[in-house]
Amino acid sequence: MYICDIKLLQKVVMTKTWPALDETLKDMLTTDEYDFTKCMKMADLGCSSGTNTLLVISHIIENLSKLQEHAPREIQVFLNDLPDNDFNNLFKLMSTNTNTNTNTKNNIECYIYGAPGSFYGRLFPNNTLHFAYSSTSIHWLSQIPQGLEKNNKENIYIATTSPPHVFEAYSKQFERDFTTFLKLRGEEIRGSGRMVLGFLGRSVADPTSKDEFKPYTLISETLSDMVSEGLVKEDDLHSFNIPIYGPSVQEIEAAVESEGSFNLDKMEFVFVPNMGRQRRLQQL
């Protein structure tokens, strides 16, 4: 049931990015920057392996077809995730979904490829892509922040009771990771290319002033109860931290400006009420 709820949440967040996605693609294809009469190349970064991936591709094809004479004749979609992602299941799903195969009705041929690897490393040759998209992935860090060790004790993420250096460790790790992400995509995406990114964030600069990640606090409390009952070792709980980070608006703006590969054209804040969490949609 938990997995199903997560997939539903991911779908809700993903559909919240669609206005920015549609606007970006339309803007790209109706300008003179590129000649898309032949082939447009794009990537879905952190695609996962379920039906939500098919939904994204189908939505893109449908909206490209509405652009009529501006629509590309062919598109290449590179699906990226970590190597242990179930790409076999993903391509099996696609084989039964006609919207992600050649779309002859709208004269758009769609060619789909797997691109396993971390998006914190190089994935494509220089100037390969015209467009990159990601939803509910970029907030995952490349590793657990260094220096936490057992200093966060009964918390598994940043909480109102976490010491200041825990927040600093998470913030610095995100800054390193996101800067790396921007730099690498800046090399892989052609000049005047675009990205639309949707990921978890927070509405306040100080993460300890407001508990916007209550689900992780509840998990921490549950694990503490399990320690009291002898079901979980105390040392295991005290050394466990989740490698995610929800940045503030200021942190995102600072990272984009400092790295310099992209301009931040638009940033939207979207509340997802069913989980009490915040999501930010970034268009770079």
C-alpha atoms as a PDB file:
ATOM      1  CA  MET A   1       0.000   0.000   0.000  1.00  0.00           C
ATOM      2  CA  TYR A   2       2.863   2.377   0.787  1.00  0.00           C
ATOM      3  CA  ILE A   3       4.379   1.827  -2.665  1.00  0.00           C
ATOM      4  CA  CYS A   4       1.056   2.515  -4.344  1.00  0.00           C
ATOM      5  CA  ASP A   5       0.665   5.757  -2.357  1.00  0.00           C
ATOM      6  CA  ILE A   6       4.152   6.878  -3.362  1.00  0.00           C
ATOM      7  CA  LYS A   7       3.391   6.224  -7.042  1.00  0.00           C
ATOM      8  CA  LEU A   8       0.176   8.215  -6.729  1.00  0.00           C
ATOM      9  CA  LEU A   9       2.034  11.083  -5.088  1.00  0.00           C
ATOM     10  CA  GLN A  10       4.663  11.016  -7.825  1.00  0.00           C
ATOM     11  CA  LYS A  11       1.919  11.144 -10.443  1.00  0.00           C
ATOM     12  CA  VAL A  12       0.290  14.147  -8.770  1.00  0.00           C
ATOM     13  CA  VAL A  13       3.603  16.014  -8.579  1.00  0.00           C
ATOM     14  CA  MET A  14       4.459  15.083 -12.163  1.00  0.00           C
ATOM     15  CA  THR A  15       1.187  16.429 -13.542  1.00  0.00           C
ATOM     16  CA  LYS A  16       1.816  19.678 -11.645  1.00  0.00           C
ATOM     17  CA  THR A  17       4.894  20.181 -13.845  1.00  0.00           C
ATOM     18  CA  TRP A  18       2.957  19.853 -17.092  1.00  0.00           C
ATOM     19  CA  PRO A  19       2.005  23.514 -17.573  1.00  0.00           C
ATOM     20  CA  ALA A  20       5.713  24.442 -17.361  1.00  0.00           C
ATOM     21  CA  LEU A  21       6.617  21.458 -19.545  1.00  0.00           C
ATOM     22  CA  ASP A  22       4.080  22.350 -22.239  1.00  0.00           C
ATOM     23  CA  GLU A  23       5.031  26.027 -22.216  1.00  0.00           C
ATOM     24  CA  THR A  24       8.729  25.204 -22.506  1.00  0.00           C
ATOM     25  CA  LEU A  25       8.339  22.789 -25.412  1.00  0.00           C
ATOM     26  CA  LYS A  26       6.056  25.173 -27.278  1.00  0.00           C
ATOM     27  CA  ASP A  27       8.501  28.026 -26.797  1.00  0.00           C
ATOM     28  CA  MET A  28      11.406  25.908 -28.022  1.00  0.00           C
ATOM     29  CA  LEU A  29       9.681  24.609 -31.122  1.00  0.00           C
ATOM     30  CA  THR A  30       8.108  27.859 -32.257  1.00  0.00           C
ATOM     31  CA  THR A  31      11.352  29.846 -32.226  1.00  0.00           C
ATOM     32  CA  ASP A  32      14.134  29.807 -34.783  1.00  0.00           C
ATOM     33  CA  GLU A  33      16.758  28.410 -32.410  1.00  0.00           C
ATOM     34  CA  TYR A  34      16.476  24.865 -33.737  1.00  0.00           C
ATOM     35  CA  ASP A  35      15.355  23.042 -36.834  1.00  0.00           C
ATOM     36  CA  PHE A  36      13.292  20.172 -35.486  1.00  0.00           C
ATOM     37  CA  THR A  37      12.053  18.951 -38.863  1.00  0.00           C
ATOM     38  CA  LYS A  38      14.214  15.872 -38.373  1.00  0.00           C
ATOM     39  CA  CYS A  39      14.816  14.747 -34.789  1.00  0.00           C
ATOM     40  CA  MET A  40      14.480  16.177 -31.279  1.00  0.00           C
ATOM     41  CA  LYS A  41      16.464  14.529 -28.475  1.00  0.00           C
ATOM     42  CA  MET A  42      15.344  14.600 -24.858  1.00  0.00           C
ATOM     43  CA  ALA A  43      15.964  12.782 -21.577  1.00  0.00           C
ATOM     44  CA  ASP A  44      13.829  11.807 -18.586  1.00  0.00           C
ATOM     45  CA  LEU A  45      16.234  11.859 -15.629  1.00  0.00           C
ATOM     46  CA  GLY A  46      15.311   9.551 -12.757  1.00  0.00           C
ATOM     47  CA  CYS A  47      12.566   7.904 -14.797  1.00  0.00           C
ATOM     48  CA  SER A  48      11.884   4.929 -12.465  1.00  0.00           C
ATOM     49  CA  SER A  49      10.212   1.849 -13.970  1.00  0.00           C
ATOM     50  CA  GLY A  50       6.463   2.175 -13.657  1.00  0.00           C
ATOM     51  CA  THR A  51       3.499   3.492 -15.593  1.00  0.00           C
ATOM     52  CA  ASN A  52       4.240   7.110 -14.644  1.00  0.00           C
ATOM     53  CA  THR A  53       7.165   7.010 -17.086  1.00  0.00           C
ATOM     54  CA  LEU A  54       4.821   6.055 -19.916  1.00  0.00           C
ATOM     55  CA  LEU A  55       2.483   8.862 -18.904  1.00  0.00           C
ATOM     56  CA  VAL A  56       5.231  11.456 -19.343  1.00  0.00           C
ATOM     57  CA  ILE A  57       6.214  10.204 -22.802  1.00  0.00           C
ATOM     58  CA  SER A  58       2.599   9.988 -23.958  1.00  0.00           C
ATOM     59  CA  HIS A  59       1.933  13.517 -22.724  1.00  0.00           C
ATOM     60  CA  ILE A  60       4.978  14.885 -24.561  1.00  0.00           C
ATOM     61  CA  ILE A  61       4.015  13.180 -27.836  1.00  0.00           C
ATOM     62  CA  GLU A  62       0.441  14.414 -27.568  1.00  0.00           C
ATOM     63  CA  ASN A  63       1.493  18.010 -26.965  1.00  0.00           C
ATOM     64  CA  LEU A  64       4.181  18.008 -29.641  1.00  0.00           C
ATOM     65  CA  SER A  65       1.589  16.850 -32.166  1.00  0.00           C
ATOM     66  CA  LYS A  66      -0.528  19.928 -31.388  1.00  0.00           C
ATOM     67  CA  LEU A  67       2.240  22.162 -32.688  1.00  0.00           C
ATOM     68  CA  GLN A  68       1.512  20.933 -36.229  1.00  0.00           C
ATOM     69  CA  GLU A  69       4.118  22.314 -38.645  1.00  0.00           C
ATOM     70  CA  HIS A  70       6.479  23.072 -35.752  1.00  0.00           C
ATOM     71  CA  ALA A  71       6.394  19.500 -34.444  1.00  0.00           C
ATOM     72  CA  PRO A  72       9.472  17.322 -35.019  1.00  0.00           C
ATOM     73  CA  ARG A  73       9.106  14.322 -37.317  1.00  0.00           C
ATOM     74  CA  GLU A  74      11.091  12.161 -34.927  1.00  0.00           C
ATOM     75  CA  ILE A  75      11.963  12.286 -31.228  1.00  0.00           C
ATOM     76  CA  GLN A  76      14.521  10.310 -29.278  1.00  0.00           C
ATOM     77  CA  VAL A  77      13.771   9.814 -25.589  1.00  0.00           C
ATOM     78  CA  PHE A  78      16.528   8.615 -23.261  1.00  0.00           C
ATOM     79  CA  LEU A  79      15.223   7.096 -20.037  1.00  0.00           C
ATOM     80  CA  ASN A  80      17.729   7.503 -17.232  1.00  0.00           C
ATOM     81  CA  ASP A  81      17.896   5.960 -13.796  1.00  0.00           C
ATOM     82  CA  LEU A  82      20.369   4.046 -11.657  1.00  0.00           C
ATOM     83  CA  PRO A  83      21.643   0.751 -13.129  1.00  0.00           C
ATOM     84  CA  ASP A  84      19.559  -1.362 -10.722  1.00  0.00           C
ATOM     85  CA  ASN A  85      16.347   0.245 -12.008  1.00  0.00           C
ATOM     86  CA  ASP A  86      14.033  -2.336 -13.598  1.00  0.00           C
ATOM     87  CA  PHE A  87      14.522  -1.288 -17.212  1.00  0.00           C
ATOM     88  CA  ASN A  88      13.284  -4.697 -18.395  1.00  0.00           C
ATOM     89  CA  ASN A  89       9.878  -4.106 -16.852  1.00  0.00           C
ATOM     90  CA  LEU A  90       9.825  -0.568 -18.223  1.00  0.00           C
ATOM     91  CA  PHE A  91      10.382  -1.655 -21.811  1.00  0.00           C
ATOM     92  CA  LYS A  92       7.873  -4.499 -21.436  1.00  0.00           C
ATOM     93  CA  LEU A  93       5.265  -1.934 -20.426  1.00  0.00           C
ATOM     94  CA  MET A  94       6.156   0.176 -23.432  1.00  0.00           C
ATOM     95  CA  SER A  95       5.737  -2.718 -25.823  1.00  0.00           C
ATOM     96  CA  THR A  96       2.042  -2.855 -24.886  1.00  0.00           C
ATOM     97  CA  ASN A  97       1.490   0.913 -24.918  1.00  0.00           C
ATOM     98  CA  THR A  98       0.933   2.222 -28.438  1.00  0.00           C
ATOM     99  CA  ASN A  99       1.289   5.845 -27.335  1.00  0.00           C
ATOM    100  CA  THR A 100       4.974   5.288 -26.622  1.00  0.00           C
ATOM    101  CA  ASN A 101       5.696   3.476 -29.879  1.00  0.00           C
ATOM    102  CA  THR A 102       5.726   5.038 -33.341  1.00  0.00           C
ATOM    103  CA  ASN A 103       2.886   7.547 -33.351  1.00  0.00           C
ATOM    104  CA  THR A 104       1.823   7.325 -36.985  1.00  0.00           C
ATOM    105  CA  LYS A 105      -1.436   9.159 -36.400  1.00  0.00           C
ATOM    106  CA  ASN A 106       0.399  12.382 -35.653  1.00  0.00           C
ATOM    107  CA  ASN A 107       3.347  11.655 -37.934  1.00  0.00           C
ATOM    108  CA  ILE A 108       5.789  11.620 -35.014  1.00  0.00           C
ATOM    109  CA  GLU A 109       8.091   8.647 -34.647  1.00  0.00           C
ATOM    110  CA  CYS A 110       9.279   8.075 -31.082  1.00  0.00           C
ATOM    111  CA  TYR A 111      12.452   6.091 -30.389  1.00  0.00           C
ATOM    112  CA  ILE A 112      13.099   5.196 -26.758  1.00  0.00           C
ATOM    113  CA  TYR A 113      16.401   4.118 -25.195  1.00  0.00           C
ATOM    114  CA  GLY A 114      17.647   3.235 -21.736  1.00  0.00           C
ATOM    115  CA  ALA A 115      20.454   5.338 -20.255  1.00  0.00           C
ATOM    116  CA  PRO A 116      21.500   3.727 -16.948  1.00  0.00           C
ATOM    117  CA  GLY A 117      23.716   5.695 -14.593  1.00  0.00           C
ATOM    118  CA  SER A 118      23.649   8.369 -11.895  1.00  0.00           C
ATOM    119  CA  PHE A 119      22.649  11.829 -13.089  1.00  0.00           C
ATOM    120  CA  TYR A 120      25.443  13.089 -10.836  1.00  0.00           C
ATOM    121  CA  GLY A 121      27.798  11.719 -13.482  1.00  0.00           C
ATOM    122  CA  ARG A 122      28.081  12.199 -17.253  1.00  0.00           C
ATOM    123  CA  LEU A 123      25.365  10.418 -19.222  1.00  0.00           C
ATOM    124  CA  PHE A 124      25.644  11.775 -22.782  1.00  0.00           C
ATOM    125  CA  PRO A 125      28.261  13.239 -25.147  1.00  0.00           C
ATOM    126  CA  ASN A 126      28.599  16.995 -25.423  1.00  0.00           C
ATOM    127  CA  ASN A 127      25.692  18.862 -27.047  1.00  0.00           C
ATOM    128  CA  THR A 128      23.534  15.741 -27.418  1.00  0.00           C
ATOM    129  CA  LEU A 129      20.220  16.844 -25.915  1.00  0.00           C
ATOM    130  CA  HIS A 130      17.742  19.566 -26.755  1.00  0.00           C
ATOM    131  CA  PHE A 131      15.657  19.076 -23.616  1.00  0.00           C
ATOM    132  CA  ALA A 132      15.814  17.359 -20.208  1.00  0.00           C
ATOM    133  CA  TYR A 133      12.999  16.613 -17.780  1.00  0.00           C
ATOM    134  CA  SER A 134      12.933  15.244 -14.239  1.00  0.00           C
ATOM    135  CA  SER A 135      10.211  14.795 -11.634  1.00  0.00           C
ATOM    136  CA  THR A 136      10.578  13.812  -7.946  1.00  0.00           C
ATOM    137  CA  SER A 137      14.212  12.775  -8.334  1.00  0.00           C
ATOM    138  CA  ILE A 138      16.664  15.659  -7.896  1.00  0.00           C
ATOM    139  CA  HIS A 139      16.053  15.920  -4.141  1.00  0.00           C
ATOM    140  CA  TRP A 140      17.764  12.524  -3.764  1.00  0.00           C
ATOM    141  CA  LEU A 141      21.389  13.143  -2.844  1.00  0.00           C
ATOM    142  CA  SER A 142      24.350  11.245  -4.247  1.00  0.00           C
ATOM    143  CA  GLN A 143      25.215  10.032  -0.738  1.00  0.00           C
ATOM    144  CA  ILE A 144      24.421  10.490   2.927  1.00  0.00           C
ATOM    145  CA  PRO A 145      26.026  13.790   3.976  1.00  0.00           C
ATOM    146  CA  GLN A 146      29.440  13.379   5.571  1.00  0.00           C
ATOM    147  CA  GLY A 147      29.898  14.264   9.221  1.00  0.00           C
ATOM    148  CA  LEU A 148      26.477  13.118  10.414  1.00  0.00           C
ATOM    149  CA  GLU A 149      27.604   9.819  11.889  1.00  0.00           C
ATOM    150  CA  LYS A 150      25.548   9.433  15.076  1.00  0.00           C
ATOM    151  CA  ASN A 151      25.065  13.149  15.706  1.00  0.00           C
ATOM    152  CA  ASN A 152      21.438  13.162  14.516  1.00  0.00           C
ATOM    153  CA  LYS A 153      20.578  10.358  16.926  1.00  0.00           C
ATOM    154  CA  GLU A 154      16.871   9.471  16.829  1.00  0.00           C
ATOM    155  CA  ASN A 155      16.145  11.570  13.731  1.00  0.00           C
ATOM    156  CA  ILE A 156      16.487  10.097  10.251  1.00  0.00           C
ATOM    157  CA  TYR A 157      16.364  13.478   8.511  1.00  0.00           C
ATOM    158  CA  ILE A 158      16.526  17.161   9.442  1.00  0.00           C
ATOM    159  CA  ALA A 159      14.113  17.814  12.315  1.00  0.00           C
ATOM    160  CA  THR A 160      13.409  20.692  14.679  1.00  0.00           C
ATOM    161  CA  THR A 161      15.536  18.864  17.275  1.00  0.00           C
ATOM    162  CA  SER A 162      18.524  18.282  14.937  1.00  0.00           C
ATOM    163  CA  PRO A 163      21.821  20.041  15.822  1.00  0.00           C
ATOM    164  CA  PRO A 164      22.792  22.942  13.493  1.00  0.00           C
ATOM    165  CA  HIS A 165      25.686  21.037  11.923  1.00  0.00           C
ATOM    166  CA  VAL A 166      23.225  18.381  10.665  1.00  0.00           C
ATOM    167  CA  PHE A 167      21.421  20.987   8.592  1.00  0.00           C
ATOM    168  CA  GLU A 168      24.748  22.367   7.381  1.00  0.00           C
ATOM    169  CA  ALA A 169      25.900  18.902   6.293  1.00  0.00           C
ATOM    170  CA  TYR A 170      22.706  18.309   4.315  1.00  0.00           C
ATOM    171  CA  SER A 171      22.789  21.779   2.769  1.00  0.00           C
ATOM    172  CA  LYS A 172      26.417  21.469   1.658  1.00  0.00           C
ATOM    173  CA  GLN A 173      25.809  18.024   0.166  1.00  0.00           C
ATOM    174  CA  PHE A 174      22.870  19.343  -1.849  1.00  0.00           C
ATOM    175  CA  GLU A 175      24.911  22.319  -3.019  1.00  0.00           C
ATOM    176  CA  ARG A 176      27.696  20.009  -4.242  1.00  0.00           C
ATOM    177  CA  ASP A 177      25.295  17.590  -5.909  1.00  0.00           C
ATOM    178  CA  PHE A 178      23.059  20.168  -7.571  1.00  0.00           C
ATOM    179  CA  THR A 179      26.050  22.159  -8.811  1.00  0.00           C
ATOM    180  CA  THR A 180      27.483  18.976 -10.316  1.00  0.00           C
ATOM    181  CA  PHE A 181      24.126  18.155 -11.886  1.00  0.00           C
ATOM    182  CA  LEU A 182      23.865  21.591 -13.504  1.00  0.00           C
ATOM    183  CA  LYS A 183      27.451  21.524 -14.754  1.00  0.00           C
ATOM    184  CA  LEU A 184      27.084  18.108 -16.406  1.00  0.00           C
ATOM    185  CA  ARG A 185      23.733  18.894 -17.990  1.00  0.00           C
ATOM    186  CA  GLY A 186      25.191  22.150 -19.235  1.00  0.00           C
ATOM    187  CA  GLU A 187      27.763  20.107 -21.156  1.00  0.00           C
ATOM    188  CA  GLU A 188      25.256  17.572 -22.493  1.00  0.00           C
ATOM    189  CA  ILE A 189      22.465  19.980 -23.522  1.00  0.00           C
ATOM    190  CA  ARG A 190      22.910  22.085 -26.653  1.00  0.00           C
ATOM    191  CA  GLY A 191      23.040  25.851 -26.563  1.00  0.00           C
ATOM    192  CA  SER A 192      19.570  27.342 -25.922  1.00  0.00           C
ATOM    193  CA  GLY A 193      18.397  23.937 -24.674  1.00  0.00           C
ATOM    194  CA  ARG A 194      16.013  23.729 -21.730  1.00  0.00           C
ATOM    195  CA  MET A 195      15.296  21.742 -18.576  1.00  0.00           C
ATOM    196  CA  VAL A 196      12.141  21.363 -16.516  1.00  0.00           C
ATOM    197  CA  LEU A 197      12.753  19.935 -13.046  1.00  0.00           C
ATOM    198  CA  GLY A 198      10.201  19.106 -10.369  1.00  0.00           C
ATOM    199  CA  PHE A 199      11.465  18.144  -6.921  1.00  0.00           C
ATOM    200  CA  LEU A 200      10.810  18.329  -3.214  1.00  0.00           C
ATOM    201  CA  GLY A 201      11.554  21.626  -1.478  1.00  0.00           C
ATOM    202  CA  ARG A 202      10.593  23.708   1.515  1.00  0.00           C
ATOM    203  CA  SER A 203       8.916  27.085   1.993  1.00  0.00           C
ATOM    204  CA  VAL A 204      11.170  28.471   4.736  1.00  0.00           C
ATOM    205  CA  ALA A 205      14.896  29.178   4.804  1.00  0.00           C
ATOM    206  CA  ASP A 206      15.401  27.646   8.267  1.00  0.00           C
ATOM    207  CA  PRO A 207      14.385  23.954   8.098  1.00  0.00           C
ATOM    208  CA  THR A 208      14.217  23.689  11.898  1.00  0.00           C
ATOM    209  CA  SER A 209      11.622  26.471  12.209  1.00  0.00           C
ATOM    210  CA  LYS A 210       8.847  24.482  10.587  1.00  0.00           C
ATOM    211  CA  ASP A 211       8.410  20.720  10.250  1.00  0.00           C
ATOM    212  CA  GLU A 212       7.485  20.425   6.577  1.00  0.00           C
ATOM    213  CA  PHE A 213       8.688  16.828   6.425  1.00  0.00           C
ATOM    214  CA  LYS A 214       6.403  15.413   9.072  1.00  0.00           C
ATOM    215  CA  PRO A 215       6.259  11.924   7.484  1.00  0.00           C
ATOM    216  CA  TYR A 216       9.975  11.459   8.214  1.00  0.00           C
ATOM    217  CA  THR A 217       9.469  12.672  11.774  1.00  0.00           C
ATOM    218  CA  LEU A 218       6.694  10.112  12.201  1.00  0.00           C
ATOM    219  CA  ILE A 219       8.941   7.369  10.818  1.00  0.00           C
ATOM    220  CA  SER A 220      11.652   8.408  13.292  1.00  0.00           C
ATOM    221  CA  GLU A 221       9.194   8.197  16.169  1.00  0.00           C
ATOM    222  CA  THR A 222       8.022   4.786  15.011  1.00  0.00           C
ATOM    223  CA  LEU A 223      11.590   3.506  14.816  1.00  0.00           C
ATOM    224  CA  SER A 224      12.253   4.862  18.318  1.00  0.00           C
ATOM    225  CA  ASP A 225       9.267   2.880  19.575  1.00  0.00           C
ATOM    226  CA  MET A 226      10.679  -0.210  17.872  1.00  0.00           C
ATOM    227  CA  VAL A 227      13.996   0.381  19.659  1.00  0.00           C
ATOM    228  CA  SER A 228      12.124   0.495  22.975  1.00  0.00           C
ATOM    229  CA  GLU A 229      10.475  -2.817  22.093  1.00  0.00           C
ATOM    230  CA  GLY A 230      13.770  -4.409  21.144  1.00  0.00           C
ATOM    231  CA  LEU A 231      12.866  -4.755  17.468  1.00  0.00           C
ATOM    232  CA  VAL A 232      15.550  -2.365  16.217  1.00  0.00           C
ATOM    233  CA  LYS A 233      19.038  -1.758  17.595  1.00  0.00           C
ATOM    234  CA  GLU A 234      19.591   1.700  19.015  1.00  0.00           C
ATOM    235  CA  ASP A 235      22.948   2.070  17.250  1.00  0.00           C
ATOM    236  CA  ASP A 236      21.320   1.276  13.920  1.00  0.00           C
ATOM    237  CA  LEU A 237      18.730   4.013  14.397  1.00  0.00           C
ATOM    238  CA  HIS A 238      21.292   6.573  15.555  1.00  0.00           C
ATOM    239  CA  SER A 239      23.466   5.954  12.487  1.00  0.00           C
ATOM    240  CA  PHE A 240      20.613   5.951   9.955  1.00  0.00           C
ATOM    241  CA  ASN A 241      19.927   9.079   7.868  1.00  0.00           C
ATOM    242  CA  ILE A 242      17.965   9.422   4.614  1.00  0.00           C
ATOM    243  CA  PRO A 243      19.934  10.902   1.674  1.00  0.00           C
ATOM    244  CA  ILE A 244      17.345  13.446   0.544  1.00  0.00           C
ATOM    245  CA  TYR A 245      17.173  17.210   0.855  1.00  0.00           C
ATOM    246  CA  GLY A 246      14.417  19.737   0.217  1.00  0.00           C
ATOM    247  CA  PRO A 247      16.157  23.028  -0.668  1.00  0.00           C
ATOM    248  CA  SER A 248      14.800  26.510  -0.138  1.00  0.00           C
ATOM    249  CA  VAL A 249      14.174  28.984  -2.962  1.00  0.00           C
ATOM    250  CA  GLN A 250      17.288  30.885  -1.950  1.00  0.00           C
ATOM    251  CA  GLU A 251      19.489  27.791  -2.182  1.00  0.00           C
ATOM    252  CA  ILE A 252      18.211  26.931  -5.658  1.00  0.00           C
ATOM    253  CA  GLU A 253      18.687  30.469  -6.950  1.00  0.00           C
ATOM    254  CA  ALA A 254      22.192  30.666  -5.482  1.00  0.00           C
ATOM    255  CA  ALA A 255      23.266  27.330  -6.991  1.00  0.00           C
ATOM    256  CA  VAL A 256      21.950  28.163 -10.479  1.00  0.00           C
ATOM    257  CA  GLU A 257      23.544  31.622 -10.463  1.00  0.00           C
ATOM    258  CA  SER A 258      26.858  30.385  -9.080  1.00  0.00           C
ATOM    259  CA  GLU A 259      27.245  27.447 -11.481  1.00  0.00           C
ATOM    260  CA  GLY A 260      26.306  29.559 -14.502  1.00  0.00           C
ATOM    261  CA  SER A 261      25.311  27.007 -17.166  1.00  0.00           C
ATOM    262  CA  PHE A 262      21.589  27.865 -17.054  1.00  0.00           C
ATOM    263  CA  ASN A 263      19.310  30.830 -16.509  1.00  0.00           C
ATOM    264  CA  LEU A 264      16.452  30.345 -14.082  1.00  0.00           C
ATOM    265  CA  ASP A 265      13.501  31.392 -16.240  1.00  0.00           C
ATOM    266  CA  LYS A 266      10.719  30.350 -13.932  1.00  0.00           C
ATOM    267  CA  MET A 267      10.213  28.856 -10.481  1.00  0.00           C
ATOM    268  CA  GLU A 268       6.828  27.790  -9.144  1.00  0.00           C
ATOM    269  CA  PHE A 269       5.839  26.628  -5.691  1.00  0.00           C
ATOM    270  CA  VAL A 270       3.161  23.928  -5.534  1.00  0.00           C
ATOM    271  CA  PHE A 271       1.552  22.475  -2.418  1.00  0.00           C
ATOM    272  CA  VAL A 272       0.554  18.813  -2.463  1.00  0.00           C
ATOM    273  CA  PRO A 273      -2.053  18.610   0.328  1.00  0.00           C
ATOM    274  CA  ASN A 274      -2.597  14.854   0.507  1.00  0.00           C
ATOM    275  CA  MET A 275       0.849  14.282   2.022  1.00  0.00           C
ATOM    276  CA  GLY A 276       1.342  17.645   3.666  1.00  0.00           C
ATOM    277  CA  ARG A 277       4.540  18.165   1.710  1.00  0.00           C
ATOM    278  CA  GLN A 278       5.826  20.877  -0.558  1.00  0.00           C
ATOM    279  CA  ARG A 279       7.087  20.532  -4.105  1.00  0.00           C
ATOM    280  CA  ARG A 280       8.868  23.123  -6.191  1.00  0.00           C
ATOM    281  CA  LEU A 281       8.890  23.099  -9.925  1.00  0.00           C
ATOM    282  CA  GLN A 282      12.026  24.474 -11.487  1.00  0.00           C
ATOM    283  CA  GLN A 283      12.322  25.525 -15.095  1.00  0.00           C
ATOM    284  CA  LEU A 284      15.921  26.189 -16.072  1.00  0.00           C
END
